[in-house]
Amino acid sequence: MRGWVEYFKLADIRGLLKATDKWARSRIRAVYWKQWKKIKTKYRMLKAMGMEHWKAKELACSRKGYWRMAQVLNSVITNKIIAKLGYTSMLDYYLTVCEN
């Protein structure tokens, strides 16, 4: 990812990187939702992230697909949590590279 940003740093790719970051974070959320296979696990993990009982139960029992639930999980698995997990934002890296 860093090499790609370094290569294209001369071009104005701010909008592209913003859209790509948004997609990548949604994909990360979908992967986590897919890892939590059982309803019990989904409920437990949502509760651990600070969600209320009724809302966690409602989302854990949802029959929506992974991609749709990734959009719903946007408020639970925030960008700060994803950054803590080790995902560095391409846009932030691009902005630091372009400053120099």
Protein backbone atom coordinates (compact mmCIF):
# COMPACT_ATOMS: atom_id res chain seq x y z
CA MET A 1 0.00 0.00 0.00
CA ARG A 2 2.78 2.42 0.88
CA GLY A 3 4.64 1.69 -2.33
CA TRP A 4 1.49 2.36 -4.35
CA VAL A 5 0.96 5.70 -2.61
CA GLU A 6 4.63 6.61 -3.05
CA TYR A 7 4.46 5.79 -6.75
CA PHE A 8 1.36 7.91 -7.39
CA LYS A 9 2.16 10.76 -4.99
CA LEU A 10 2.71 13.21 -7.85
CA ALA A 11 -0.84 12.74 -9.10
CA ASP A 12 -3.82 14.24 -7.30
CA ILE A 13 -5.40 11.02 -6.03
CA ARG A 14 -6.95 12.39 -2.85
CA GLY A 15 -10.52 11.53 -3.93
CA LEU A 16 -9.55 8.06 -5.11
CA LEU A 17 -7.76 7.27 -1.86
CA LYS A 18 -10.69 8.54 0.18
CA ALA A 19 -13.08 6.21 -1.68
CA THR A 20 -10.62 3.31 -1.48
CA ASP A 21 -10.19 3.80 2.27
CA LYS A 22 -13.94 3.81 2.75
CA TRP A 23 -14.26 0.57 0.77
CA ALA A 24 -11.36 -1.09 2.62
CA ARG A 25 -12.78 -0.24 6.04
CA SER A 26 -16.16 -1.64 5.00
CA ARG A 27 -14.42 -4.79 3.82
CA ILE A 28 -12.64 -5.12 7.17
CA ARG A 29 -15.97 -4.80 8.97
CA ALA A 30 -17.49 -7.45 6.69
CA VAL A 31 -14.61 -9.81 7.39
CA TYR A 32 -15.04 -9.42 11.13
CA TRP A 33 -18.78 -10.02 10.82
CA LYS A 34 -18.04 -13.15 8.78
CA GLN A 35 -15.56 -14.39 11.41
CA TRP A 36 -18.20 -14.17 14.11
CA LYS A 37 -20.17 -17.10 12.69
CA LYS A 38 -22.58 -17.84 15.52
CA ILE A 39 -25.27 -15.53 16.84
CA LYS A 40 -23.90 -15.96 20.35
CA THR A 41 -20.45 -14.80 19.24
CA LYS A 42 -21.87 -11.82 17.34
CA TYR A 43 -23.90 -10.79 20.38
CA ARG A 44 -20.95 -11.18 22.75
CA MET A 45 -18.60 -9.16 20.54
CA LEU A 46 -21.14 -6.37 19.99
CA LYS A 47 -21.74 -6.16 23.74
CA ALA A 48 -17.97 -6.02 24.32
CA MET A 49 -17.79 -3.02 22.00
CA GLY A 50 -20.29 -1.16 24.16
CA MET A 51 -23.56 -1.73 22.34
CA GLU A 52 -26.83 -1.87 24.28
CA HIS A 53 -28.43 -5.27 24.95
CA TRP A 54 -31.47 -4.87 22.72
CA LYS A 55 -29.51 -3.40 19.81
CA ALA A 56 -26.80 -6.07 20.01
CA LYS A 57 -29.44 -8.80 20.04
CA GLU A 58 -31.23 -7.22 17.09
CA LEU A 59 -28.06 -7.00 15.00
CA ALA A 60 -26.80 -10.47 15.98
CA CYS A 61 -30.05 -12.06 14.83
CA SER A 62 -30.17 -10.10 11.59
CA ARG A 63 -30.44 -12.05 8.34
CA LYS A 64 -28.80 -9.37 6.25
CA GLY A 65 -25.71 -10.17 4.22
CA TYR A 66 -22.13 -9.42 5.15
CA TRP A 67 -21.80 -6.29 3.05
CA ARG A 68 -25.05 -4.77 4.34
CA MET A 69 -24.09 -5.53 7.92
CA ALA A 70 -20.69 -3.91 7.34
CA GLN A 71 -22.55 -0.68 6.63
CA VAL A 72 -24.60 -1.09 9.81
CA LEU A 73 -21.48 -1.86 11.88
CA ASN A 74 -20.01 1.50 10.87
CA SER A 75 -21.14 2.98 14.18
CA VAL A 76 -19.81 0.07 16.26
CA ILE A 77 -16.47 -0.70 14.64
CA THR A 78 -15.30 2.87 14.17
CA ASN A 79 -12.34 4.10 12.16
CA LYS A 80 -10.36 4.52 15.39
CA ILE A 81 -10.86 0.86 16.26
CA ILE A 82 -9.79 -0.18 12.77
CA ALA A 83 -6.69 2.03 13.06
CA LYS A 84 -5.92 0.37 16.41
CA LEU A 85 -6.12 -3.02 14.69
CA GLY A 86 -3.24 -1.93 12.42
CA TYR A 87 -4.88 -0.56 9.27
CA THR A 88 -3.13 2.64 8.25
CA SER A 89 -5.27 4.95 6.18
CA MET A 90 -3.99 5.44 2.65
CA LEU A 91 -5.28 9.01 2.58
CA ASP A 92 -3.48 9.93 5.81
CA TYR A 93 -0.26 8.41 4.53
CA TYR A 94 -0.67 10.23 1.20
CA LEU A 95 -1.15 13.55 2.99
CA THR A 96 2.00 13.03 5.07
CA VAL A 97 4.01 12.07 1.98
CA CYS A 98 2.76 15.04 -0.04
CA GLU A 99 3.64 17.52 2.70
CA ASN A 100 7.35 16.85 2.24
